[in-house]
Amino acid sequence: MEHKYDDVEHIKEQEYEQELHQAQRKDFKFSWVSSSAYLFYLTITCLILFTWGGCYRLYTKRFEKPKVTIQESTLYTPKYK
């Protein structure tokens, strides 16, 4: 009886180790290769989006020349009354 109990415990321990290994392989902090690629592409995407957003903001809120009233007597060809 004790031999069967040891086998069951050993099988449970192996299954637990396999599940733990699979979870760690999929986990972000345990897999440096996949996490570094993810962070690289995330950085590039954020850089592109911030650049595009800044350019779009500058394009939509660009400087508009104010309408300045100038005396007619100070023009290149002055007009007198």
PDB file of N, CA and C in Angstrom:
ATOM      1  N   MET A   1       0.817  -1.189   0.000  1.00  0.00           N
ATOM      2  CA  MET A   1       0.000   0.000   0.000  1.00  0.00           C
ATOM      3  C   MET A   1       0.868   1.263   0.000  1.00  0.00           C
ATOM      4  N   GLU A   2       1.896   1.243   0.769  1.00  0.00           N
ATOM      5  CA  GLU A   2       2.740   2.412   0.877  1.00  0.00           C
ATOM      6  C   GLU A   2       3.447   2.696  -0.445  1.00  0.00           C
ATOM      7  N   HIS A   3       3.717   1.661  -1.201  1.00  0.00           N
ATOM      8  CA  HIS A   3       4.384   1.804  -2.491  1.00  0.00           C
ATOM      9  C   HIS A   3       3.461   2.525  -3.490  1.00  0.00           C
ATOM     10  N   LYS A   4       2.171   2.220  -3.485  1.00  0.00           N
ATOM     11  CA  LYS A   4       1.200   2.890  -4.360  1.00  0.00           C
ATOM     12  C   LYS A   4       1.083   4.368  -3.994  1.00  0.00           C
ATOM     13  N   TYR A   5       1.095   4.641  -2.710  1.00  0.00           N
ATOM     14  CA  TYR A   5       0.972   6.013  -2.242  1.00  0.00           C
ATOM     15  C   TYR A   5       2.179   6.835  -2.702  1.00  0.00           C
ATOM     16  N   ASP A   6       3.355   6.261  -2.667  1.00  0.00           N
ATOM     17  CA  ASP A   6       4.569   6.950  -3.131  1.00  0.00           C
ATOM     18  C   ASP A   6       4.504   7.213  -4.625  1.00  0.00           C
ATOM     19  N   ASP A   7       3.975   6.247  -5.389  1.00  0.00           N
ATOM     20  CA  ASP A   7       3.846   6.429  -6.837  1.00  0.00           C
ATOM     21  C   ASP A   7       2.870   7.559  -7.166  1.00  0.00           C
ATOM     22  N   VAL A   8       1.768   7.614  -6.474  1.00  0.00           N
ATOM     23  CA  VAL A   8       0.766   8.653  -6.703  1.00  0.00           C
ATOM     24  C   VAL A   8       1.353  10.022  -6.364  1.00  0.00           C
ATOM     25  N   GLU A   9       2.057  10.112  -5.267  1.00  0.00           N
ATOM     26  CA  GLU A   9       2.680  11.372  -4.871  1.00  0.00           C
ATOM     27  C   GLU A   9       3.744  11.799  -5.892  1.00  0.00           C
ATOM     28  N   HIS A  10       4.485  10.840  -6.370  1.00  0.00           N
ATOM     29  CA  HIS A  10       5.520  11.136  -7.368  1.00  0.00           C
ATOM     30  C   HIS A  10       4.886  11.643  -8.674  1.00  0.00           C
ATOM     31  N   ILE A  11       3.800  11.025  -9.095  1.00  0.00           N
ATOM     32  CA  ILE A  11       3.101  11.444 -10.319  1.00  0.00           C
ATOM     33  C   ILE A  11       2.507  12.843 -10.132  1.00  0.00           C
ATOM     34  N   LYS A  12       1.924  13.108  -8.979  1.00  0.00           N
ATOM     35  CA  LYS A  12       1.363  14.428  -8.702  1.00  0.00           C
ATOM     36  C   LYS A  12       2.460  15.496  -8.707  1.00  0.00           C
ATOM     37  N   GLU A  13       3.606  15.148  -8.145  1.00  0.00           N
ATOM     38  CA  GLU A  13       4.712  16.089  -8.112  1.00  0.00           C
ATOM     39  C   GLU A  13       5.225  16.370  -9.527  1.00  0.00           C
ATOM     40  N   GLN A  14       5.295  15.348 -10.363  1.00  0.00           N
ATOM     41  CA  GLN A  14       5.724  15.543 -11.747  1.00  0.00           C
ATOM     42  C   GLN A  14       4.739  16.431 -12.513  1.00  0.00           C
ATOM     43  N   GLU A  15       3.450  16.175 -12.324  1.00  0.00           N
ATOM     44  CA  GLU A  15       2.430  16.995 -12.994  1.00  0.00           C
ATOM     45  C   GLU A  15       2.521  18.447 -12.538  1.00  0.00           C
ATOM     46  N   TYR A  16       2.741  18.633 -11.235  1.00  0.00           N
ATOM     47  CA  TYR A  16       2.875  19.991 -10.712  1.00  0.00           C
ATOM     48  C   TYR A  16       4.092  20.686 -11.317  1.00  0.00           C
ATOM     49  N   GLU A  17       5.207  19.975 -11.406  1.00  0.00           N
ATOM     50  CA  GLU A  17       6.417  20.537 -11.998  1.00  0.00           C
ATOM     51  C   GLU A  17       6.197  20.900 -13.469  1.00  0.00           C
ATOM     52  N   GLN A  18       5.486  20.048 -14.201  1.00  0.00           N
ATOM     53  CA  GLN A  18       5.199  20.340 -15.613  1.00  0.00           C
ATOM     54  C   GLN A  18       4.313  21.569 -15.756  1.00  0.00           C
ATOM     55  N   GLU A  19       3.287  21.661 -14.945  1.00  0.00           N
ATOM     56  CA  GLU A  19       2.399  22.823 -14.992  1.00  0.00           C
ATOM     57  C   GLU A  19       3.143  24.099 -14.596  1.00  0.00           C
ATOM     58  N   LEU A  20       4.003  23.987 -13.591  1.00  0.00           N
ATOM     59  CA  LEU A  20       4.784  25.139 -13.156  1.00  0.00           C
ATOM     60  C   LEU A  20       5.744  25.575 -14.253  1.00  0.00           C
ATOM     61  N   HIS A  21       6.370  24.632 -14.914  1.00  0.00           N
ATOM     62  CA  HIS A  21       7.292  24.949 -16.002  1.00  0.00           C
ATOM     63  C   HIS A  21       6.543  25.613 -17.164  1.00  0.00           C
ATOM     64  N   GLN A  22       5.360  25.110 -17.505  1.00  0.00           N
ATOM     65  CA  GLN A  22       4.574  25.717 -18.588  1.00  0.00           C
ATOM     66  C   GLN A  22       4.131  27.123 -18.213  1.00  0.00           C
ATOM     67  N   ALA A  23       3.731  27.321 -16.983  1.00  0.00           N
ATOM     68  CA  ALA A  23       3.291  28.649 -16.543  1.00  0.00           C
ATOM     69  C   ALA A  23       4.458  29.630 -16.560  1.00  0.00           C
ATOM     70  N   GLN A  24       5.638  29.193 -16.121  1.00  0.00           N
ATOM     71  CA  GLN A  24       6.797  30.074 -16.126  1.00  0.00           C
ATOM     72  C   GLN A  24       7.250  30.382 -17.547  1.00  0.00           C
ATOM     73  N   ARG A  25       7.100  29.428 -18.446  1.00  0.00           N
ATOM     74  CA  ARG A  25       7.500  29.659 -19.828  1.00  0.00           C
ATOM     75  C   ARG A  25       6.589  30.699 -20.487  1.00  0.00           C
ATOM     76  N   LYS A  26       5.337  30.717 -20.115  1.00  0.00           N
ATOM     77  CA  LYS A  26       4.391  31.676 -20.679  1.00  0.00           C
ATOM     78  C   LYS A  26       4.403  33.014 -19.937  1.00  0.00           C
ATOM     79  N   ASP A  27       4.930  33.014 -18.716  1.00  0.00           N
ATOM     80  CA  ASP A  27       4.913  34.220 -17.900  1.00  0.00           C
ATOM     81  C   ASP A  27       5.921  35.239 -18.430  1.00  0.00           C
ATOM     82  N   PHE A  28       5.542  36.494 -18.363  1.00  0.00           N
ATOM     83  CA  PHE A  28       6.347  37.590 -18.907  1.00  0.00           C
ATOM     84  C   PHE A  28       7.684  37.732 -18.186  1.00  0.00           C
ATOM     85  N   LYS A  29       7.680  37.653 -16.892  1.00  0.00           N
ATOM     86  CA  LYS A  29       8.904  37.935 -16.131  1.00  0.00           C
ATOM     87  C   LYS A  29       9.898  36.779 -16.136  1.00  0.00           C
ATOM     88  N   PHE A  30       9.483  35.571 -16.491  1.00  0.00           N
ATOM     89  CA  PHE A  30      10.395  34.439 -16.506  1.00  0.00           C
ATOM     90  C   PHE A  30      11.019  34.199 -17.873  1.00  0.00           C
ATOM     91  N   SER A  31      10.432  34.741 -18.931  1.00  0.00           N
ATOM     92  CA  SER A  31      10.949  34.512 -20.276  1.00  0.00           C
ATOM     93  C   SER A  31      11.558  35.802 -20.801  1.00  0.00           C
ATOM     94  N   TRP A  32      12.878  35.946 -20.694  1.00  0.00           N
ATOM     95  CA  TRP A  32      13.555  37.167 -21.092  1.00  0.00           C
ATOM     96  C   TRP A  32      13.496  37.371 -22.599  1.00  0.00           C
ATOM     97  N   VAL A  33      13.538  36.297 -23.356  1.00  0.00           N
ATOM     98  CA  VAL A  33      13.547  36.414 -24.817  1.00  0.00           C
ATOM     99  C   VAL A  33      12.240  37.013 -25.320  1.00  0.00           C
ATOM    100  N   SER A  34      11.124  36.487 -24.897  1.00  0.00           N
ATOM    101  CA  SER A  34       9.844  37.013 -25.375  1.00  0.00           C
ATOM    102  C   SER A  34       9.544  38.383 -24.769  1.00  0.00           C
ATOM    103  N   SER A  35       9.962  38.608 -23.532  1.00  0.00           N
ATOM    104  CA  SER A  35       9.670  39.908 -22.917  1.00  0.00           C
ATOM    105  C   SER A  35      10.514  41.018 -23.536  1.00  0.00           C
ATOM    106  N   SER A  36      11.753  40.727 -23.922  1.00  0.00           N
ATOM    107  CA  SER A  36      12.580  41.770 -24.530  1.00  0.00           C
ATOM    108  C   SER A  36      12.054  42.137 -25.909  1.00  0.00           C
ATOM    109  N   ALA A  37      11.591  41.162 -26.668  1.00  0.00           N
ATOM    110  CA  ALA A  37      10.993  41.465 -27.976  1.00  0.00           C
ATOM    111  C   ALA A  37       9.717  42.286 -27.793  1.00  0.00           C
ATOM    112  N   TYR A  38       8.910  41.903 -26.824  1.00  0.00           N
ATOM    113  CA  TYR A  38       7.669  42.634 -26.541  1.00  0.00           C
ATOM    114  C   TYR A  38       7.976  44.086 -26.166  1.00  0.00           C
ATOM    115  N   LEU A  39       8.950  44.288 -25.291  1.00  0.00           N
ATOM    116  CA  LEU A  39       9.293  45.644 -24.875  1.00  0.00           C
ATOM    117  C   LEU A  39       9.881  46.457 -26.027  1.00  0.00           C
ATOM    118  N   PHE A  40      10.647  45.822 -26.894  1.00  0.00           N
ATOM    119  CA  PHE A  40      11.208  46.511 -28.056  1.00  0.00           C
ATOM    120  C   PHE A  40      10.097  47.008 -28.971  1.00  0.00           C
ATOM    121  N   TYR A  41       9.166  46.131 -29.323  1.00  0.00           N
ATOM    122  CA  TYR A  41       8.083  46.531 -30.220  1.00  0.00           C
ATOM    123  C   TYR A  41       7.141  47.532 -29.551  1.00  0.00           C
ATOM    124  N   LEU A  42       6.947  47.402 -28.247  1.00  0.00           N
ATOM    125  CA  LEU A  42       6.127  48.370 -27.523  1.00  0.00           C
ATOM    126  C   LEU A  42       6.782  49.752 -27.554  1.00  0.00           C
ATOM    127  N   THR A  43       8.088  49.808 -27.380  1.00  0.00           N
ATOM    128  CA  THR A  43       8.815  51.072 -27.412  1.00  0.00           C
ATOM    129  C   THR A  43       8.746  51.716 -28.792  1.00  0.00           C
ATOM    130  N   ILE A  44       8.962  50.925 -29.824  1.00  0.00           N
ATOM    131  CA  ILE A  44       8.902  51.448 -31.195  1.00  0.00           C
ATOM    132  C   ILE A  44       7.502  51.961 -31.510  1.00  0.00           C
ATOM    133  N   THR A  45       6.481  51.211 -31.114  1.00  0.00           N
ATOM    134  CA  THR A  45       5.095  51.627 -31.367  1.00  0.00           C
ATOM    135  C   THR A  45       4.777  52.932 -30.633  1.00  0.00           C
ATOM    136  N   CYS A  46       5.185  53.043 -29.373  1.00  0.00           N
ATOM    137  CA  CYS A  46       4.929  54.278 -28.618  1.00  0.00           C
ATOM    138  C   CYS A  46       5.668  55.459 -29.234  1.00  0.00           C
ATOM    139  N   LEU A  47       6.889  55.242 -29.663  1.00  0.00           N
ATOM    140  CA  LEU A  47       7.664  56.311 -30.290  1.00  0.00           C
ATOM    141  C   LEU A  47       6.977  56.799 -31.563  1.00  0.00           C
ATOM    142  N   ILE A  48       6.515  55.871 -32.381  1.00  0.00           N
ATOM    143  CA  ILE A  48       5.832  56.244 -33.628  1.00  0.00           C
ATOM    144  C   ILE A  48       4.525  56.978 -33.321  1.00  0.00           C
ATOM    145  N   LEU A  49       3.761  56.464 -32.356  1.00  0.00           N
ATOM    146  CA  LEU A  49       2.480  57.104 -32.026  1.00  0.00           C
ATOM    147  C   LEU A  49       2.664  58.505 -31.438  1.00  0.00           C
ATOM    148  N   PHE A  50       3.643  58.679 -30.555  1.00  0.00           N
ATOM    149  CA  PHE A  50       3.889  60.008 -29.985  1.00  0.00           C
ATOM    150  C   PHE A  50       4.381  60.984 -31.050  1.00  0.00           C
ATOM    151  N   THR A  51       5.218  60.512 -31.958  1.00  0.00           N
ATOM    152  CA  THR A  51       5.698  61.374 -33.037  1.00  0.00           C
ATOM    153  C   THR A  51       4.552  61.787 -33.943  1.00  0.00           C
ATOM    154  N   TRP A  52       3.736  60.816 -34.334  1.00  0.00           N
ATOM    155  CA  TRP A  52       2.595  61.112 -35.202  1.00  0.00           C
ATOM    156  C   TRP A  52       1.613  62.049 -34.486  1.00  0.00           C
ATOM    157  N   GLY A  53       1.373  61.803 -33.208  1.00  0.00           N
ATOM    158  CA  GLY A  53       0.457  62.657 -32.440  1.00  0.00           C
ATOM    159  C   GLY A  53       0.965  64.083 -32.331  1.00  0.00           C
ATOM    160  N   GLY A  54       2.272  64.244 -32.120  1.00  0.00           N
ATOM    161  CA  GLY A  54       2.844  65.587 -32.045  1.00  0.00           C
ATOM    162  C   GLY A  54       2.755  66.314 -33.369  1.00  0.00           C
ATOM    163  N   CYS A  55       3.049  65.606 -34.457  1.00  0.00           N
ATOM    164  CA  CYS A  55       2.946  66.229 -35.781  1.00  0.00           C
ATOM    165  C   CYS A  55       1.505  66.605 -36.101  1.00  0.00           C
ATOM    166  N   TYR A  56       0.567  65.737 -35.759  1.00  0.00           N
ATOM    167  CA  TYR A  56      -0.840  66.020 -36.012  1.00  0.00           C
ATOM    168  C   TYR A  56      -1.292  67.226 -35.197  1.00  0.00           C
ATOM    169  N   ARG A  57      -0.854  67.288 -33.945  1.00  0.00           N
ATOM    170  CA  ARG A  57      -1.219  68.421 -33.086  1.00  0.00           C
ATOM    171  C   ARG A  57      -0.649  69.727 -33.643  1.00  0.00           C
ATOM    172  N   LEU A  58       0.595  69.694 -34.094  1.00  0.00           N
ATOM    173  CA  LEU A  58       1.180  70.895 -34.681  1.00  0.00           C
ATOM    174  C   LEU A  58       0.464  71.290 -35.966  1.00  0.00           C
ATOM    175  N   TYR A  59       0.021  70.300 -36.743  1.00  0.00           N
ATOM    176  CA  TYR A  59      -0.666  70.592 -37.987  1.00  0.00           C
ATOM    177  C   TYR A  59      -2.041  71.210 -37.735  1.00  0.00           C
ATOM    178  N   THR A  60      -2.776  70.698 -36.763  1.00  0.00           N
ATOM    179  CA  THR A  60      -4.133  71.207 -36.517  1.00  0.00           C
ATOM    180  C   THR A  60      -4.134  72.513 -35.731  1.00  0.00           C
ATOM    181  N   LYS A  61      -3.119  72.757 -34.921  1.00  0.00           N
ATOM    182  CA  LYS A  61      -3.071  73.972 -34.094  1.00  0.00           C
ATOM    183  C   LYS A  61      -1.962  74.900 -34.562  1.00  0.00           C
ATOM    184  N   ARG A  62      -1.717  74.938 -35.855  1.00  0.00           N
ATOM    185  CA  ARG A  62      -0.602  75.752 -36.349  1.00  0.00           C
ATOM    186  C   ARG A  62      -0.883  77.243 -36.179  1.00  0.00           C
ATOM    187  N   PHE A  63       0.164  78.008 -36.277  1.00  0.00           N
ATOM    188  CA  PHE A  63       0.077  79.441 -36.074  1.00  0.00           C
ATOM    189  C   PHE A  63      -0.710  80.089 -37.213  1.00  0.00           C
ATOM    190  N   GLU A  64      -1.677  80.884 -36.853  1.00  0.00           N
ATOM    191  CA  GLU A  64      -2.462  81.612 -37.842  1.00  0.00           C
ATOM    192  C   GLU A  64      -2.065  83.086 -37.774  1.00  0.00           C
ATOM    193  N   LYS A  65      -1.786  83.633 -38.925  1.00  0.00           N
ATOM    194  CA  LYS A  65      -1.372  85.036 -38.964  1.00  0.00           C
ATOM    195  C   LYS A  65      -2.547  85.935 -38.590  1.00  0.00           C
ATOM    196  N   PRO A  66      -2.331  86.809 -37.636  1.00  0.00           N
ATOM    197  CA  PRO A  66      -3.428  87.709 -37.267  1.00  0.00           C
ATOM    198  C   PRO A  66      -3.619  88.784 -38.344  1.00  0.00           C
ATOM    199  N   LYS A  67      -4.829  89.248 -38.476  1.00  0.00           N
ATOM    200  CA  LYS A  67      -5.150  90.319 -39.417  1.00  0.00           C
ATOM    201  C   LYS A  67      -4.765  91.642 -38.760  1.00  0.00           C
ATOM    202  N   VAL A  68      -3.745  92.271 -39.297  1.00  0.00           N
ATOM    203  CA  VAL A  68      -3.236  93.524 -38.736  1.00  0.00           C
ATOM    204  C   VAL A  68      -3.727  94.678 -39.607  1.00  0.00           C
ATOM    205  N   THR A  69      -4.267  95.686 -38.963  1.00  0.00           N
ATOM    206  CA  THR A  69      -4.707  96.866 -39.710  1.00  0.00           C
ATOM    207  C   THR A  69      -3.535  97.842 -39.827  1.00  0.00           C
ATOM    208  N   ILE A  70      -3.270  98.256 -41.040  1.00  0.00           N
ATOM    209  CA  ILE A  70      -2.155  99.165 -41.310  1.00  0.00           C
ATOM    210  C   ILE A  70      -2.727 100.466 -41.846  1.00  0.00           C
ATOM    211  N   GLN A  71      -2.162 101.554 -41.402  1.00  0.00           N
ATOM    212  CA  GLN A  71      -2.615 102.851 -41.912  1.00  0.00           C
ATOM    213  C   GLN A  71      -2.275 102.934 -43.402  1.00  0.00           C
ATOM    214  N   GLU A  72      -3.189 103.450 -44.156  1.00  0.00           N
ATOM    215  CA  GLU A  72      -2.993 103.537 -45.602  1.00  0.00           C
ATOM    216  C   GLU A  72      -1.871 104.499 -45.972  1.00  0.00           C
ATOM    217  N   SER A  73      -1.561 105.430 -45.114  1.00  0.00           N
ATOM    218  CA  SER A  73      -0.500 106.383 -45.427  1.00  0.00           C
ATOM    219  C   SER A  73       0.889 105.767 -45.274  1.00  0.00           C
ATOM    220  N   THR A  74       1.003 104.583 -44.651  1.00  0.00           N
ATOM    221  CA  THR A  74       2.308 103.950 -44.462  1.00  0.00           C
ATOM    222  C   THR A  74       2.564 102.815 -45.437  1.00  0.00           C
ATOM    223  N   LEU A  75       1.692 102.605 -46.420  1.00  0.00           N
ATOM    224  CA  LEU A  75       1.893 101.538 -47.402  1.00  0.00           C
ATOM    225  C   LEU A  75       3.002 101.896 -48.383  1.00  0.00           C
ATOM    226  N   TYR A  76       3.414 100.918 -49.212  1.00  0.00           N
ATOM    227  CA  TYR A  76       4.447 101.150 -50.199  1.00  0.00           C
ATOM    228  C   TYR A  76       4.034 102.226 -51.189  1.00  0.00           C
ATOM    229  N   THR A  77       2.781 102.140 -51.596  1.00  0.00           N
ATOM    230  CA  THR A  77       2.181 103.218 -52.397  1.00  0.00           C
ATOM    231  C   THR A  77       1.120 103.874 -51.506  1.00  0.00           C
ATOM    232  N   PRO A  78       1.477 104.887 -50.799  1.00  0.00           N
ATOM    233  CA  PRO A  78       0.561 105.482 -49.823  1.00  0.00           C
ATOM    234  C   PRO A  78      -0.688 106.088 -50.480  1.00  0.00           C
ATOM    235  N   LYS A  79      -1.744 106.023 -49.739  1.00  0.00           N
ATOM    236  CA  LYS A  79      -3.006 106.610 -50.171  1.00  0.00           C
ATOM    237  C   LYS A  79      -3.326 107.758 -49.210  1.00  0.00           C
ATOM    238  N   TYR A  80      -3.551 108.891 -49.792  1.00  0.00           N
ATOM    239  CA  TYR A  80      -3.869 110.050 -48.964  1.00  0.00           C
ATOM    240  C   TYR A  80      -5.330 110.413 -49.158  1.00  0.00           C
ATOM    241  N   LYS A  81      -5.860 111.058 -48.185  1.00  0.00           N
ATOM    242  CA  LYS A  81      -7.254 111.474 -48.254  1.00  0.00           C
ATOM    243  C   LYS A  81      -7.415 112.754 -49.002  1.00  0.00           C
TER     244      LYS A  81
END
